[in-house]
Amino acid sequence: SDGKTITITFFNGDVKQIMPDQTVIYYYADAKTTHTTYTDGLEV
């Protein structure tokens, strides 16, 4: 409802979340791995 929080759930089970601060959290379902990219460039 804030127009800034976006969640995309892909057909293969992957999930991409874009947070209000533009942090991107991507979950790879097959690998059970989460990849977070922060606005300052840090990737976890």
All heavy atoms as atom14 arrays in JSON, in Angstrom:
{
  "sequence": "SDGKTITITFFNGDVKQIMPDQTVIYYYADAKTTHTTYTDGLEV",
  "atom14_mask": [
    [1, 1, 1, 1, 1, 1, 0, 0, 0, 0, 0, 0, 0, 0],
    [1, 1, 1, 1, 1, 1, 1, 1, 0, 0, 0, 0, 0, 0],
    [1, 1, 1, 1, 0, 0, 0, 0, 0, 0, 0, 0, 0, 0],
    [1, 1, 1, 1, 1, 1, 1, 1, 1, 0, 0, 0, 0, 0],
    [1, 1, 1, 1, 1, 1, 1, 0, 0, 0, 0, 0, 0, 0],
    [1, 1, 1, 1, 1, 1, 1, 1, 0, 0, 0, 0, 0, 0],
    [1, 1, 1, 1, 1, 1, 1, 0, 0, 0, 0, 0, 0, 0],
    [1, 1, 1, 1, 1, 1, 1, 1, 0, 0, 0, 0, 0, 0],
    [1, 1, 1, 1, 1, 1, 1, 0, 0, 0, 0, 0, 0, 0],
    [1, 1, 1, 1, 1, 1, 1, 1, 1, 1, 1, 0, 0, 0],
    [1, 1, 1, 1, 1, 1, 1, 1, 1, 1, 1, 0, 0, 0],
    [1, 1, 1, 1, 1, 1, 1, 1, 0, 0, 0, 0, 0, 0],
    [1, 1, 1, 1, 0, 0, 0, 0, 0, 0, 0, 0, 0, 0],
    [1, 1, 1, 1, 1, 1, 1, 1, 0, 0, 0, 0, 0, 0],
    [1, 1, 1, 1, 1, 1, 1, 0, 0, 0, 0, 0, 0, 0],
    [1, 1, 1, 1, 1, 1, 1, 1, 1, 0, 0, 0, 0, 0],
    [1, 1, 1, 1, 1, 1, 1, 1, 1, 0, 0, 0, 0, 0],
    [1, 1, 1, 1, 1, 1, 1, 1, 0, 0, 0, 0, 0, 0],
    [1, 1, 1, 1, 1, 1, 1, 1, 0, 0, 0, 0, 0, 0],
    [1, 1, 1, 1, 1, 1, 1, 0, 0, 0, 0, 0, 0, 0],
    [1, 1, 1, 1, 1, 1, 1, 1, 0, 0, 0, 0, 0, 0],
    [1, 1, 1, 1, 1, 1, 1, 1, 1, 0, 0, 0, 0, 0],
    [1, 1, 1, 1, 1, 1, 1, 0, 0, 0, 0, 0, 0, 0],
    [1, 1, 1, 1, 1, 1, 1, 0, 0, 0, 0, 0, 0, 0],
    [1, 1, 1, 1, 1, 1, 1, 1, 0, 0, 0, 0, 0, 0],
    [1, 1, 1, 1, 1, 1, 1, 1, 1, 1, 1, 1, 0, 0],
    [1, 1, 1, 1, 1, 1, 1, 1, 1, 1, 1, 1, 0, 0],
    [1, 1, 1, 1, 1, 1, 1, 1, 1, 1, 1, 1, 0, 0],
    [1, 1, 1, 1, 1, 0, 0, 0, 0, 0, 0, 0, 0, 0],
    [1, 1, 1, 1, 1, 1, 1, 1, 0, 0, 0, 0, 0, 0],
    [1, 1, 1, 1, 1, 0, 0, 0, 0, 0, 0, 0, 0, 0],
    [1, 1, 1, 1, 1, 1, 1, 1, 1, 0, 0, 0, 0, 0],
    [1, 1, 1, 1, 1, 1, 1, 0, 0, 0, 0, 0, 0, 0],
    [1, 1, 1, 1, 1, 1, 1, 0, 0, 0, 0, 0, 0, 0],
    [1, 1, 1, 1, 1, 1, 1, 1, 1, 1, 0, 0, 0, 0],
    [1, 1, 1, 1, 1, 1, 1, 0, 0, 0, 0, 0, 0, 0],
    [1, 1, 1, 1, 1, 1, 1, 0, 0, 0, 0, 0, 0, 0],
    [1, 1, 1, 1, 1, 1, 1, 1, 1, 1, 1, 1, 0, 0],
    [1, 1, 1, 1, 1, 1, 1, 0, 0, 0, 0, 0, 0, 0],
    [1, 1, 1, 1, 1, 1, 1, 1, 0, 0, 0, 0, 0, 0],
    [1, 1, 1, 1, 0, 0, 0, 0, 0, 0, 0, 0, 0, 0],
    [1, 1, 1, 1, 1, 1, 1, 1, 0, 0, 0, 0, 0, 0],
    [1, 1, 1, 1, 1, 1, 1, 1, 1, 0, 0, 0, 0, 0],
    [1, 1, 1, 1, 1, 1, 1, 0, 0, 0, 0, 0, 0, 0]
  ],
  "atom14_positions": [
    [[0.81, -1.21, 0.0], [0.0, 0.0, 0.0], [0.86, 1.27, 0.0], [0.4, 2.32, -0.42], [-0.96, 0.0, 1.19], [-0.23, -0.17, 2.39], [0.0, 0.0, 0.0], [0.0, 0.0, 0.0], [0.0, 0.0, 0.0], [0.0, 0.0, 0.0], [0.0, 0.0, 0.0], [0.0, 0.0, 0.0], [0.0, 0.0, 0.0], [0.0, 0.0, 0.0]],
    [[2.13, 1.15, 0.46], [3.03, 2.31, 0.43], [3.57, 2.58, -0.98], [4.18, 3.61, -1.24], [4.19, 2.13, 1.41], [5.07, 0.91, 1.09], [4.84, 0.22, 0.07], [6.0, 0.64, 1.89], [0.0, 0.0, 0.0], [0.0, 0.0, 0.0], [0.0, 0.0, 0.0], [0.0, 0.0, 0.0], [0.0, 0.0, 0.0], [0.0, 0.0, 0.0]],
    [[3.35, 1.62, -1.9], [3.83, 1.76, -3.28], [5.32, 1.51, -3.42], [5.86, 1.55, -4.51], [0.0, 0.0, 0.0], [0.0, 0.0, 0.0], [0.0, 0.0, 0.0], [0.0, 0.0, 0.0], [0.0, 0.0, 0.0], [0.0, 0.0, 0.0], [0.0, 0.0, 0.0], [0.0, 0.0, 0.0], [0.0, 0.0, 0.0], [0.0, 0.0, 0.0]],
    [[6.02, 1.27, -2.3], [7.47, 1.11, -2.31], [7.91, -0.31, -2.0], [9.01, -0.71, -2.36], [8.12, 2.06, -1.31], [7.91, 3.52, -1.65], [8.52, 4.4, -0.58], [8.33, 5.87, -0.91], [8.85, 6.74, 0.14], [0.0, 0.0, 0.0], [0.0, 0.0, 0.0], [0.0, 0.0, 0.0], [0.0, 0.0, 0.0], [0.0, 0.0, 0.0]],
    [[7.11, -1.05, -1.29], [7.45, -2.43, -0.93], [6.87, -3.34, -2.0], [5.66, -3.38, -2.2], [6.87, -2.81, 0.45], [7.3, -1.83, 1.41], [7.33, -4.18, 0.88], [0.0, 0.0, 0.0], [0.0, 0.0, 0.0], [0.0, 0.0, 0.0], [0.0, 0.0, 0.0], [0.0, 0.0, 0.0], [0.0, 0.0, 0.0], [0.0, 0.0, 0.0]],
    [[7.77, -4.04, -2.71], [7.35, -4.89, -3.81], [7.86, -6.31, -3.57], [9.03, -6.5, -3.24], [7.89, -4.36, -5.16], [7.36, -2.94, -5.4], [7.53, -5.29, -6.31], [8.04, -2.22, -6.55], [0.0, 0.0, 0.0], [0.0, 0.0, 0.0], [0.0, 0.0, 0.0], [0.0, 0.0, 0.0], [0.0, 0.0, 0.0], [0.0, 0.0, 0.0]],
    [[6.98, -7.28, -3.73], [7.38, -8.69, -3.63], [6.94, -9.39, -4.9], [5.78, -9.31, -5.3], [6.7, -9.37, -2.41], [7.04, -8.64, -1.23], [7.16, -10.81, -2.26], [0.0, 0.0, 0.0], [0.0, 0.0, 0.0], [0.0, 0.0, 0.0], [0.0, 0.0, 0.0], [0.0, 0.0, 0.0], [0.0, 0.0, 0.0], [0.0, 0.0, 0.0]],
    [[7.92, -10.05, -5.54], [7.61, -10.83, -6.74], [7.9, -12.29, -6.41], [9.0, -12.63, -6.01], [8.48, -10.38, -7.94], [8.28, -8.88, -8.21], [8.15, -11.21, -9.18], [9.3, -8.28, -9.13], [0.0, 0.0, 0.0], [0.0, 0.0, 0.0], [0.0, 0.0, 0.0], [0.0, 0.0, 0.0], [0.0, 0.0, 0.0], [0.0, 0.0, 0.0]],
    [[6.89, -13.12, -6.56], [7.05, -14.56, -6.35], [7.01, -15.21, -7.72], [6.0, -15.15, -8.41], [5.93, -15.11, -5.44], [5.95, -14.37, -4.21], [6.14, -16.59, -5.15], [0.0, 0.0, 0.0], [0.0, 0.0, 0.0], [0.0, 0.0, 0.0], [0.0, 0.0, 0.0], [0.0, 0.0, 0.0], [0.0, 0.0, 0.0], [0.0, 0.0, 0.0]],
    [[8.16, -15.79, -8.11], [8.28, -16.36, -9.44], [7.71, -17.77, -9.48], [7.6, -18.45, -8.46], [9.75, -16.36, -9.87], [10.31, -14.98, -10.04], [10.98, -14.36, -8.98], [10.16, -14.28, -11.21], [11.49, -13.08, -9.11], [10.66, -13.0, -11.37], [11.33, -12.39, -10.31], [0.0, 0.0, 0.0], [0.0, 0.0, 0.0], [0.0, 0.0, 0.0]],
    [[7.39, -18.22, -10.69], [6.79, -19.54, -10.9], [7.69, -20.66, -10.39], [7.21, -21.72, -10.03], [6.45, -19.75, -12.38], [7.66, -19.77, -13.28], [8.31, -20.95, -13.57], [8.13, -18.58, -13.82], [9.43, -20.96, -14.38], [9.25, -18.59, -14.65], [9.91, -19.78, -14.93], [0.0, 0.0, 0.0], [0.0, 0.0, 0.0], [0.0, 0.0, 0.0]],
    [[9.02, -20.43, -10.33], [9.95, -21.48, -9.87], [10.16, -21.46, -8.36], [10.97, -22.22, -7.84], [11.29, -21.35, -10.59], [12.02, -20.06, -10.25], [11.51, -19.2, -9.53], [13.22, -19.91, -10.79], [0.0, 0.0, 0.0], [0.0, 0.0, 0.0], [0.0, 0.0, 0.0], [0.0, 0.0, 0.0], [0.0, 0.0, 0.0], [0.0, 0.0, 0.0]],
    [[9.46, -20.57, -7.65], [9.58, -20.5, -6.19], [10.51, -19.41, -5.7], [10.55, -19.1, -4.51], [0.0, 0.0, 0.0], [0.0, 0.0, 0.0], [0.0, 0.0, 0.0], [0.0, 0.0, 0.0], [0.0, 0.0, 0.0], [0.0, 0.0, 0.0], [0.0, 0.0, 0.0], [0.0, 0.0, 0.0], [0.0, 0.0, 0.0], [0.0, 0.0, 0.0]],
    [[11.3, -18.82, -6.61], [12.17, -17.71, -6.21], [11.3, -16.54, -5.76], [10.19, -16.36, -6.26], [13.05, -17.24, -7.37], [14.16, -18.22, -7.73], [14.22, -19.3, -7.12], [14.96, -17.89, -8.63], [0.0, 0.0, 0.0], [0.0, 0.0, 0.0], [0.0, 0.0, 0.0], [0.0, 0.0, 0.0], [0.0, 0.0, 0.0], [0.0, 0.0, 0.0]],
    [[11.83, -15.73, -4.82], [11.1, -14.56, -4.33], [12.05, -13.36, -4.31], [13.14, -13.44, -3.77], [10.54, -14.8, -2.9], [9.82, -13.55, -2.39], [9.62, -16.0, -2.86], [0.0, 0.0, 0.0], [0.0, 0.0, 0.0], [0.0, 0.0, 0.0], [0.0, 0.0, 0.0], [0.0, 0.0, 0.0], [0.0, 0.0, 0.0], [0.0, 0.0, 0.0]],
    [[11.6, -12.27, -4.92], [12.37, -11.02, -4.92], [11.56, -9.98, -4.17], [10.4, -9.74, -4.49], [12.61, -10.56, -6.36], [13.39, -9.26, -6.46], [13.62, -8.89, -7.93], [14.43, -7.63, -8.07], [14.68, -7.3, -9.49], [0.0, 0.0, 0.0], [0.0, 0.0, 0.0], [0.0, 0.0, 0.0], [0.0, 0.0, 0.0], [0.0, 0.0, 0.0]],
    [[12.21, -9.37, -3.16], [11.56, -8.31, -2.4], [12.36, -7.02, -2.59], [13.58, -7.04, -2.5], [11.53, -8.65, -0.91], [10.62, -9.79, -0.55], [10.67, -10.06, 0.94], [11.65, -10.59, 1.43], [9.63, -9.66, 1.64], [0.0, 0.0, 0.0], [0.0, 0.0, 0.0], [0.0, 0.0, 0.0], [0.0, 0.0, 0.0], [0.0, 0.0, 0.0]],
    [[11.66, -5.95, -2.85], [12.28, -4.64, -2.91], [11.68, -3.84, -1.76], [10.47, -3.66, -1.68], [12.03, -3.95, -4.27], [12.56, -4.84, -5.4], [12.69, -2.56, -4.3], [12.14, -4.4, -6.78], [0.0, 0.0, 0.0], [0.0, 0.0, 0.0], [0.0, 0.0, 0.0], [0.0, 0.0, 0.0], [0.0, 0.0, 0.0], [0.0, 0.0, 0.0]],
    [[12.53, -3.42, -0.85], [12.09, -2.73, 0.35], [11.98, -1.22, 0.08], [12.52, -0.72, -0.9], [13.08, -3.0, 1.49], [13.37, -4.48, 1.73], [11.9, -5.51, 1.88], [11.48, -5.18, 3.56], [0.0, 0.0, 0.0], [0.0, 0.0, 0.0], [0.0, 0.0, 0.0], [0.0, 0.0, 0.0], [0.0, 0.0, 0.0], [0.0, 0.0, 0.0]],
    [[11.29, -0.49, 0.96], [11.12, 0.96, 0.77], [12.46, 1.7, 0.59], [12.53, 2.67, -0.14], [10.41, 1.42, 2.04], [9.66, 0.2, 2.48], [10.55, -0.96, 2.12], [0.0, 0.0, 0.0], [0.0, 0.0, 0.0], [0.0, 0.0, 0.0], [0.0, 0.0, 0.0], [0.0, 0.0, 0.0], [0.0, 0.0, 0.0], [0.0, 0.0, 0.0]],
    [[13.54, 1.23, 1.25], [14.84, 1.89, 1.12], [15.62, 1.4, -0.1], [16.8, 1.7, -0.25], [15.67, 1.71, 2.39], [16.11, 0.26, 2.61], [15.72, -0.64, 1.82], [16.87, 0.02, 3.57], [0.0, 0.0, 0.0], [0.0, 0.0, 0.0], [0.0, 0.0, 0.0], [0.0, 0.0, 0.0], [0.0, 0.0, 0.0], [0.0, 0.0, 0.0]],
    [[14.98, 0.6, -0.96], [15.55, 0.04, -2.2], [16.5, -1.13, -1.96], [17.19, -1.56, -2.88], [16.23, 1.12, -3.05], [15.25, 2.17, -3.57], [14.11, 1.55, -4.39], [14.33, 0.91, -5.38], [12.88, 1.72, -3.92], [0.0, 0.0, 0.0], [0.0, 0.0, 0.0], [0.0, 0.0, 0.0], [0.0, 0.0, 0.0], [0.0, 0.0, 0.0]],
    [[16.57, -1.64, -0.72], [17.29, -2.89, -0.47], [16.56, -3.99, -1.22], [15.33, -4.04, -1.2], [17.32, -3.2, 1.05], [18.06, -2.17, 1.72], [17.95, -4.55, 1.34], [0.0, 0.0, 0.0], [0.0, 0.0, 0.0], [0.0, 0.0, 0.0], [0.0, 0.0, 0.0], [0.0, 0.0, 0.0], [0.0, 0.0, 0.0], [0.0, 0.0, 0.0]],
    [[17.34, -4.85, -1.89], [16.74, -5.95, -2.65], [17.11, -7.27, -2.0], [18.29, -7.55, -1.76], [17.21, -5.94, -4.13], [16.65, -7.12, -4.9], [16.82, -4.63, -4.81], [0.0, 0.0, 0.0], [0.0, 0.0, 0.0], [0.0, 0.0, 0.0], [0.0, 0.0, 0.0], [0.0, 0.0, 0.0], [0.0, 0.0, 0.0], [0.0, 0.0, 0.0]],
    [[16.1, -8.07, -1.67], [16.31, -9.39, -1.08], [15.8, -10.41, -2.08], [14.62, -10.4, -2.44], [15.56, -9.53, 0.26], [15.98, -8.43, 1.23], [15.8, -10.92, 0.87], [15.07, -8.28, 2.43], [0.0, 0.0, 0.0], [0.0, 0.0, 0.0], [0.0, 0.0, 0.0], [0.0, 0.0, 0.0], [0.0, 0.0, 0.0], [0.0, 0.0, 0.0]],
    [[16.71, -11.28, -2.54], [16.32, -12.29, -3.53], [16.56, -13.66, -2.93], [17.67, -13.97, -2.49], [17.13, -12.13, -4.82], [16.51, -12.87, -6.0], [15.82, -12.19, -6.99], [16.6, -14.26, -6.11], [15.23, -12.86, -8.06], [16.02, -14.94, -7.17], [15.34, -14.24, -8.14], [14.77, -14.9, -9.19], [0.0, 0.0, 0.0], [0.0, 0.0, 0.0]],
    [[15.51, -14.47, -2.9], [15.61, -15.83, -2.37], [15.57, -16.81, -3.54], [14.62, -16.82, -4.31], [14.47, -16.13, -1.39], [14.46, -17.55, -0.9], [15.4, -17.99, 0.03], [13.54, -18.47, -1.38], [15.41, -19.3, 0.48], [13.54, -19.79, -0.93], [14.48, -20.2, -0.01], [14.5, -21.5, 0.42], [0.0, 0.0, 0.0], [0.0, 0.0, 0.0]],
    [[16.63, -17.6, -3.68], [16.7, -18.64, -4.7], [16.16, -19.93, -4.09], [16.78, -20.52, -3.2], [18.14, -18.86, -5.17], [18.75, -17.65, -5.84], [19.44, -16.68, -5.1], [18.61, -17.45, -7.21], [19.99, -15.57, -5.72], [19.16, -16.34, -7.83], [19.85, -15.41, -7.07], [20.4, -14.3, -7.69], [0.0, 0.0, 0.0], [0.0, 0.0, 0.0]],
    [[14.99, -20.36, -4.54], [14.31, -21.5, -3.94], [15.1, -22.8, -4.09], [15.27, -23.54, -3.12], [12.92, -21.66, -4.53], [0.0, 0.0, 0.0], [0.0, 0.0, 0.0], [0.0, 0.0, 0.0], [0.0, 0.0, 0.0], [0.0, 0.0, 0.0], [0.0, 0.0, 0.0], [0.0, 0.0, 0.0], [0.0, 0.0, 0.0], [0.0, 0.0, 0.0]],
    [[15.57, -23.09, -5.31], [16.29, -24.35, -5.53], [17.54, -24.46, -4.65], [17.8, -25.5, -4.07], [16.69, -24.52, -7.0], [15.52, -24.98, -7.86], [14.48, -25.37, -7.3], [15.66, -24.95, -9.11], [0.0, 0.0, 0.0], [0.0, 0.0, 0.0], [0.0, 0.0, 0.0], [0.0, 0.0, 0.0], [0.0, 0.0, 0.0], [0.0, 0.0, 0.0]],
    [[18.32, -23.39, -4.58], [19.56, -23.39, -3.81], [19.35, -23.07, -2.33], [20.28, -23.18, -1.53], [20.54, -22.39, -4.42], [0.0, 0.0, 0.0], [0.0, 0.0, 0.0], [0.0, 0.0, 0.0], [0.0, 0.0, 0.0], [0.0, 0.0, 0.0], [0.0, 0.0, 0.0], [0.0, 0.0, 0.0], [0.0, 0.0, 0.0], [0.0, 0.0, 0.0]],
    [[18.12, -22.66, -1.98], [17.81, -22.23, -0.6], [18.82, -21.19, -0.13], [19.39, -21.28, 0.95], [17.78, -23.44, 0.35], [16.66, -24.41, 0.03], [16.65, -25.56, 1.03], [15.52, -26.52, 0.8], [15.59, -27.29, -0.43], [0.0, 0.0, 0.0], [0.0, 0.0, 0.0], [0.0, 0.0, 0.0], [0.0, 0.0, 0.0], [0.0, 0.0, 0.0]],
    [[19.05, -20.21, -0.99], [20.03, -19.16, -0.74], [19.36, -17.79, -0.83], [18.55, -17.56, -1.71], [21.17, -19.24, -1.8], [21.79, -20.51, -1.69], [22.19, -18.16, -1.61], [0.0, 0.0, 0.0], [0.0, 0.0, 0.0], [0.0, 0.0, 0.0], [0.0, 0.0, 0.0], [0.0, 0.0, 0.0], [0.0, 0.0, 0.0], [0.0, 0.0, 0.0]],
    [[19.71, -16.9, 0.1], [19.2, -15.54, 0.09], [20.32, -14.58, -0.26], [21.41, -14.65, 0.32], [18.6, -15.16, 1.47], [17.58, -16.1, 1.79], [18.02, -13.77, 1.47], [0.0, 0.0, 0.0], [0.0, 0.0, 0.0], [0.0, 0.0, 0.0], [0.0, 0.0, 0.0], [0.0, 0.0, 0.0], [0.0, 0.0, 0.0], [0.0, 0.0, 0.0]],
    [[20.07, -13.69, -1.23], [21.04, -12.7, -1.68], [20.44, -11.32, -1.43], [19.45, -10.96, -2.06], [21.3, -12.93, -3.18], [22.33, -12.01, -3.76], [22.7, -12.07, -5.07], [23.06, -11.0, -3.23], [23.61, -11.15, -5.32], [23.83, -10.48, -4.21], [0.0, 0.0, 0.0], [0.0, 0.0, 0.0], [0.0, 0.0, 0.0], [0.0, 0.0, 0.0]],
    [[21.03, -10.59, -0.49], [20.54, -9.25, -0.15], [21.51, -8.21, -0.68], [22.71, -8.3, -0.43], [20.39, -9.1, 1.38], [19.56, -10.15, 1.87], [19.78, -7.76, 1.75], [0.0, 0.0, 0.0], [0.0, 0.0, 0.0], [0.0, 0.0, 0.0], [0.0, 0.0, 0.0], [0.0, 0.0, 0.0], [0.0, 0.0, 0.0], [0.0, 0.0, 0.0]],
    [[20.99, -7.24, -1.42], [21.81, -6.15, -1.95], [21.32, -4.85, -1.3], [20.17, -4.48, -1.45], [21.69, -6.06, -3.48], [22.02, -7.33, -4.04], [22.63, -5.0, -4.03], [0.0, 0.0, 0.0], [0.0, 0.0, 0.0], [0.0, 0.0, 0.0], [0.0, 0.0, 0.0], [0.0, 0.0, 0.0], [0.0, 0.0, 0.0], [0.0, 0.0, 0.0]],
    [[22.23, -4.2, -0.56], [21.89, -2.95, 0.12], [22.22, -1.77, -0.79], [23.02, -1.87, -1.71], [22.67, -2.86, 1.44], [22.25, -3.92, 2.43], [22.93, -5.14, 2.48], [21.17, -3.74, 3.27], [22.54, -6.14, 3.36], [20.77, -4.73, 4.17], [21.46, -5.93, 4.2], [21.08, -6.91, 5.07], [0.0, 0.0, 0.0], [0.0, 0.0, 0.0]],
    [[21.61, -0.64, -0.51], [21.78, 0.54, -1.35], [23.22, 1.06, -1.34], [23.64, 1.72, -2.28], [20.82, 1.67, -0.92], [20.98, 1.92, 0.47], [19.39, 1.29, -1.21], [0.0, 0.0, 0.0], [0.0, 0.0, 0.0], [0.0, 0.0, 0.0], [0.0, 0.0, 0.0], [0.0, 0.0, 0.0], [0.0, 0.0, 0.0], [0.0, 0.0, 0.0]],
    [[23.99, 0.76, -0.29], [25.38, 1.21, -0.25], [26.31, 0.28, -1.04], [27.51, 0.49, -1.09], [25.87, 1.34, 1.2], [25.91, 0.02, 1.94], [25.6, -1.04, 1.36], [26.28, 0.04, 3.15], [0.0, 0.0, 0.0], [0.0, 0.0, 0.0], [0.0, 0.0, 0.0], [0.0, 0.0, 0.0], [0.0, 0.0, 0.0], [0.0, 0.0, 0.0]],
    [[25.74, -0.78, -1.65], [26.53, -1.69, -2.48], [26.92, -2.98, -1.79], [27.43, -3.9, -2.43], [0.0, 0.0, 0.0], [0.0, 0.0, 0.0], [0.0, 0.0, 0.0], [0.0, 0.0, 0.0], [0.0, 0.0, 0.0], [0.0, 0.0, 0.0], [0.0, 0.0, 0.0], [0.0, 0.0, 0.0], [0.0, 0.0, 0.0], [0.0, 0.0, 0.0]],
    [[26.73, -3.07, -0.48], [27.04, -4.31, 0.24], [26.09, -5.41, -0.22], [24.88, -5.18, -0.35], [26.88, -4.1, 1.76], [26.98, -5.36, 2.63], [28.39, -5.95, 2.58], [26.6, -5.05, 4.07], [0.0, 0.0, 0.0], [0.0, 0.0, 0.0], [0.0, 0.0, 0.0], [0.0, 0.0, 0.0], [0.0, 0.0, 0.0], [0.0, 0.0, 0.0]],
    [[26.66, -6.59, -0.5], [25.84, -7.75, -0.86], [26.1, -8.84, 0.17], [27.25, -9.12, 0.51], [26.2, -8.26, -2.25], [25.86, -7.28, -3.36], [26.15, -7.85, -4.73], [25.79, -9.01, -4.99], [26.76, -7.13, -5.53], [0.0, 0.0, 0.0], [0.0, 0.0, 0.0], [0.0, 0.0, 0.0], [0.0, 0.0, 0.0], [0.0, 0.0, 0.0]],
    [[25.02, -9.48, 0.66], [25.14, -10.54, 1.65], [24.43, -11.77, 1.1], [23.27, -11.71, 0.71], [24.53, -10.13, 3.01], [24.62, -11.27, 4.01], [25.21, -8.87, 3.56], [0.0, 0.0, 0.0], [0.0, 0.0, 0.0], [0.0, 0.0, 0.0], [0.0, 0.0, 0.0], [0.0, 0.0, 0.0], [0.0, 0.0, 0.0], [0.0, 0.0, 0.0]]
  ]
}
